[in-house]
Amino acid sequence: MAHIREFGWQDYDGVARLWTATGRDVLPRPELAAKLTRDPQLFLVAEVDQVLAGVVLGTYDGRRGMILRLAVDPTYRRRGLATLLVTELEKRFTALGCPRVNLLVLPQDTVALGFWRALGYLPQPDVLCTKPLGAARG
């Protein structure tokens, strides 16, 4: 049975391995530490038999929630872990008074789009724009 709980620093290496194994960028420790000063209760991990099997990172800016870096170890997929993680995260957003949650999905990722649509998330025609700032410029 899965257990969903808040991320702790002892989870970092396992989360980094999971993000890498699922093709996601790993947040550097300093960037993650800065995020955790704001809303640590929105960074969740899923354990199955004491093995880190899933992760989701949420953020809330006081106006909108954002779901980032949902990942489930391929060995543990199709067991409902992603849905459990998102459901718990949504409860925590609601407890903070968050009225709406957004997330990003690559248009060609039809599996992910299907997953999110099944949970009630609807695609929008927005265009993502990004700009690196400060030392991150390359």
C-alpha atoms as a PDB file:
ATOM      1  CA  MET A   1       0.000   0.000   0.000  1.00  0.00           C
ATOM      2  CA  ALA A   2       1.210   3.491  -0.830  1.00  0.00           C
ATOM      3  CA  HIS A   3       1.985   6.130   1.743  1.00  0.00           C
ATOM      4  CA  ILE A   4       1.949   9.812   0.684  1.00  0.00           C
ATOM      5  CA  ARG A   5       3.962  12.218   2.807  1.00  0.00           C
ATOM      6  CA  GLU A   6       5.791  15.531   2.719  1.00  0.00           C
ATOM      7  CA  PHE A   7       9.288  15.563   1.236  1.00  0.00           C
ATOM      8  CA  GLY A   8      12.204  15.567   3.673  1.00  0.00           C
ATOM      9  CA  TRP A   9      15.828  16.266   2.812  1.00  0.00           C
ATOM     10  CA  GLN A  10      16.647  12.604   3.387  1.00  0.00           C
ATOM     11  CA  ASP A  11      14.558  11.986   0.216  1.00  0.00           C
ATOM     12  CA  TYR A  12      16.602  14.258  -2.059  1.00  0.00           C
ATOM     13  CA  ASP A  13      18.890  11.646  -3.622  1.00  0.00           C
ATOM     14  CA  GLY A  14      15.983   9.277  -4.268  1.00  0.00           C
ATOM     15  CA  VAL A  15      13.878  12.063  -5.767  1.00  0.00           C
ATOM     16  CA  ALA A  16      16.794  13.133  -7.964  1.00  0.00           C
ATOM     17  CA  ARG A  17      17.218   9.538  -9.189  1.00  0.00           C
ATOM     18  CA  LEU A  18      13.492   9.282  -9.883  1.00  0.00           C
ATOM     19  CA  TRP A  19      13.383  12.568 -11.801  1.00  0.00           C
ATOM     20  CA  THR A  20      16.422  11.507 -13.831  1.00  0.00           C
ATOM     21  CA  ALA A  21      14.962   8.057 -14.552  1.00  0.00           C
ATOM     22  CA  THR A  22      11.744   9.639 -15.816  1.00  0.00           C
ATOM     23  CA  GLY A  23      13.410  12.281 -17.972  1.00  0.00           C
ATOM     24  CA  ARG A  24      12.835  15.304 -15.768  1.00  0.00           C
ATOM     25  CA  ASP A  25      15.361  17.924 -14.779  1.00  0.00           C
ATOM     26  CA  VAL A  26      16.637  17.663 -11.220  1.00  0.00           C
ATOM     27  CA  LEU A  27      16.199  20.778  -9.108  1.00  0.00           C
ATOM     28  CA  PRO A  28      19.522  21.754  -7.522  1.00  0.00           C
ATOM     29  CA  ARG A  29      19.510  21.745  -3.721  1.00  0.00           C
ATOM     30  CA  PRO A  30      19.750  25.569  -3.399  1.00  0.00           C
ATOM     31  CA  GLU A  31      16.789  26.091  -5.736  1.00  0.00           C
ATOM     32  CA  LEU A  32      14.738  23.490  -3.898  1.00  0.00           C
ATOM     33  CA  ALA A  33      15.716  24.963  -0.505  1.00  0.00           C
ATOM     34  CA  ALA A  34      14.409  28.354  -1.648  1.00  0.00           C
ATOM     35  CA  LYS A  35      11.131  26.775  -2.780  1.00  0.00           C
ATOM     36  CA  LEU A  36      10.727  24.931   0.530  1.00  0.00           C
ATOM     37  CA  THR A  37      10.846  28.186   2.516  1.00  0.00           C
ATOM     38  CA  ARG A  38       7.510  29.110   0.945  1.00  0.00           C
ATOM     39  CA  ASP A  39       5.300  26.000   0.900  1.00  0.00           C
ATOM     40  CA  PRO A  40       7.071  22.795   1.949  1.00  0.00           C
ATOM     41  CA  GLN A  41       3.735  21.028   2.454  1.00  0.00           C
ATOM     42  CA  LEU A  42       3.262  21.032  -1.340  1.00  0.00           C
ATOM     43  CA  PHE A  43       6.267  18.818  -2.107  1.00  0.00           C
ATOM     44  CA  LEU A  44       5.086  15.213  -1.749  1.00  0.00           C
ATOM     45  CA  VAL A  45       6.573  11.770  -2.128  1.00  0.00           C
ATOM     46  CA  ALA A  46       4.909   8.381  -2.421  1.00  0.00           C
ATOM     47  CA  GLU A  47       6.410   5.345  -0.744  1.00  0.00           C
ATOM     48  CA  VAL A  48       5.529   1.715  -1.392  1.00  0.00           C
ATOM     49  CA  ASP A  49       7.009  -0.722   1.127  1.00  0.00           C
ATOM     50  CA  GLN A  50       9.419   2.037   2.245  1.00  0.00           C
ATOM     51  CA  VAL A  51      10.658   2.545  -1.338  1.00  0.00           C
ATOM     52  CA  LEU A  52      10.377   6.034  -2.847  1.00  0.00           C
ATOM     53  CA  ALA A  53       8.124   5.369  -5.844  1.00  0.00           C
ATOM     54  CA  GLY A  54       6.649   8.745  -6.788  1.00  0.00           C
ATOM     55  CA  VAL A  55       6.986  12.489  -6.369  1.00  0.00           C
ATOM     56  CA  VAL A  56       5.104  15.680  -7.159  1.00  0.00           C
ATOM     57  CA  LEU A  57       6.108  19.281  -6.574  1.00  0.00           C
ATOM     58  CA  GLY A  58       3.445  21.923  -6.029  1.00  0.00           C
ATOM     59  CA  THR A  59       3.808  25.664  -5.627  1.00  0.00           C
ATOM     60  CA  TYR A  60       1.319  28.334  -4.594  1.00  0.00           C
ATOM     61  CA  ASP A  61       1.888  32.050  -5.111  1.00  0.00           C
ATOM     62  CA  GLY A  62      -1.219  33.174  -3.216  1.00  0.00           C
ATOM     63  CA  ARG A  63      -3.273  33.336  -6.410  1.00  0.00           C
ATOM     64  CA  ARG A  64      -2.692  30.120  -8.386  1.00  0.00           C
ATOM     65  CA  GLY A  65      -1.280  26.715  -7.676  1.00  0.00           C
ATOM     66  CA  MET A  66       1.141  25.000 -10.000  1.00  0.00           C
ATOM     67  CA  ILE A  67       1.847  21.289 -10.332  1.00  0.00           C
ATOM     68  CA  LEU A  68       5.378  20.446 -11.430  1.00  0.00           C
ATOM     69  CA  ARG A  69       7.547  17.371 -11.922  1.00  0.00           C
ATOM     70  CA  LEU A  70       5.045  14.599 -11.274  1.00  0.00           C
ATOM     71  CA  ALA A  71       6.975  11.358 -11.652  1.00  0.00           C
ATOM     72  CA  VAL A  72       6.363   7.716 -10.788  1.00  0.00           C
ATOM     73  CA  ASP A  73       9.028   5.041 -10.974  1.00  0.00           C
ATOM     74  CA  PRO A  74       8.224   2.859 -14.016  1.00  0.00           C
ATOM     75  CA  THR A  75       8.237  -0.226 -11.755  1.00  0.00           C
ATOM     76  CA  TYR A  76       5.306   1.232  -9.787  1.00  0.00           C
ATOM     77  CA  ARG A  77       3.196   2.669 -12.601  1.00  0.00           C
ATOM     78  CA  ARG A  78      -0.426   1.700 -13.191  1.00  0.00           C
ATOM     79  CA  ARG A  79      -1.040   1.352  -9.456  1.00  0.00           C
ATOM     80  CA  GLY A  80      -2.719   4.720  -8.938  1.00  0.00           C
ATOM     81  CA  LEU A  81       0.278   6.457  -7.337  1.00  0.00           C
ATOM     82  CA  ALA A  82       0.162   9.501  -9.614  1.00  0.00           C
ATOM     83  CA  THR A  83      -3.532   9.946  -8.883  1.00  0.00           C
ATOM     84  CA  LEU A  84      -2.913   9.574  -5.136  1.00  0.00           C
ATOM     85  CA  LEU A  85      -0.137  12.185  -5.253  1.00  0.00           C
ATOM     86  CA  VAL A  86      -2.255  14.659  -7.230  1.00  0.00           C
ATOM     87  CA  THR A  87      -5.322  14.093  -5.044  1.00  0.00           C
ATOM     88  CA  GLU A  88      -3.330  14.780  -1.874  1.00  0.00           C
ATOM     89  CA  LEU A  89      -1.712  17.825  -3.453  1.00  0.00           C
ATOM     90  CA  GLU A  90      -5.137  19.179  -4.467  1.00  0.00           C
ATOM     91  CA  LYS A  91      -6.347  18.764  -0.861  1.00  0.00           C
ATOM     92  CA  ARG A  92      -3.374  20.771   0.338  1.00  0.00           C
ATOM     93  CA  PHE A  93      -3.982  23.485  -2.266  1.00  0.00           C
ATOM     94  CA  THR A  94      -7.605  23.667  -1.133  1.00  0.00           C
ATOM     95  CA  ALA A  95      -6.547  23.996   2.519  1.00  0.00           C
ATOM     96  CA  LEU A  96      -4.417  27.004   1.511  1.00  0.00           C
ATOM     97  CA  GLY A  97      -7.396  28.658  -0.192  1.00  0.00           C
ATOM     98  CA  CYS A  98      -6.038  28.088  -3.691  1.00  0.00           C
ATOM     99  CA  PRO A  99      -8.860  28.662  -6.238  1.00  0.00           C
ATOM    100  CA  ARG A 100      -7.191  27.218  -9.365  1.00  0.00           C
ATOM    101  CA  VAL A 101      -4.306  24.929 -10.257  1.00  0.00           C
ATOM    102  CA  ASN A 102      -2.271  25.014 -13.460  1.00  0.00           C
ATOM    103  CA  LEU A 103       0.287  22.667 -14.950  1.00  0.00           C
ATOM    104  CA  LEU A 104       2.311  22.269 -18.128  1.00  0.00           C
ATOM    105  CA  VAL A 105       2.174  19.282 -20.483  1.00  0.00           C
ATOM    106  CA  LEU A 106       4.015  18.960 -23.770  1.00  0.00           C
ATOM    107  CA  PRO A 107       1.398  18.849 -26.558  1.00  0.00           C
ATOM    108  CA  GLN A 108       2.849  15.676 -28.043  1.00  0.00           C
ATOM    109  CA  ASP A 109       2.622  13.801 -24.717  1.00  0.00           C
ATOM    110  CA  THR A 110      -0.788  12.258 -25.332  1.00  0.00           C
ATOM    111  CA  VAL A 111      -0.472   9.821 -22.415  1.00  0.00           C
ATOM    112  CA  ALA A 112       0.094  12.671 -19.952  1.00  0.00           C
ATOM    113  CA  LEU A 113      -2.695  14.724 -21.526  1.00  0.00           C
ATOM    114  CA  GLY A 114      -5.059  11.776 -21.114  1.00  0.00           C
ATOM    115  CA  PHE A 115      -4.046  11.335 -17.484  1.00  0.00           C
ATOM    116  CA  TRP A 116      -4.602  15.003 -16.640  1.00  0.00           C
ATOM    117  CA  ARG A 117      -7.884  15.180 -18.558  1.00  0.00           C
ATOM    118  CA  ALA A 118      -9.166  12.158 -16.624  1.00  0.00           C
ATOM    119  CA  LEU A 119      -8.511  14.136 -13.427  1.00  0.00           C
ATOM    120  CA  GLY A 120     -10.476  17.131 -14.731  1.00  0.00           C
ATOM    121  CA  TYR A 121      -7.627  19.298 -16.053  1.00  0.00           C
ATOM    122  CA  LEU A 122      -8.502  20.944 -19.341  1.00  0.00           C
ATOM    123  CA  PRO A 123      -5.990  22.043 -21.992  1.00  0.00           C
ATOM    124  CA  GLN A 124      -5.790  25.785 -22.606  1.00  0.00           C
ATOM    125  CA  PRO A 125      -4.469  27.603 -25.681  1.00  0.00           C
ATOM    126  CA  ASP A 126      -1.858  29.515 -23.677  1.00  0.00           C
ATOM    127  CA  VAL A 127       1.687  29.827 -24.952  1.00  0.00           C
ATOM    128  CA  LEU A 128       4.527  29.357 -22.497  1.00  0.00           C
ATOM    129  CA  CYS A 129       7.144  32.072 -22.591  1.00  0.00           C
ATOM    130  CA  THR A 130      10.326  31.855 -20.563  1.00  0.00           C
ATOM    131  CA  LYS A 131      13.393  33.993 -19.903  1.00  0.00           C
ATOM    132  CA  PRO A 132      16.411  33.018 -17.802  1.00  0.00           C
ATOM    133  CA  LEU A 133      17.448  35.681 -15.309  1.00  0.00           C
ATOM    134  CA  GLY A 134      20.755  36.610 -13.702  1.00  0.00           C
ATOM    135  CA  ALA A 135      23.417  33.925 -13.468  1.00  0.00           C
ATOM    136  CA  ALA A 136      21.094  31.440 -15.215  1.00  0.00           C
ATOM    137  CA  ARG A 137      21.576  33.230 -18.544  1.00  0.00           C
ATOM    138  CA  GLY A 138      23.624  31.263 -20.986  1.00  0.00           C
END
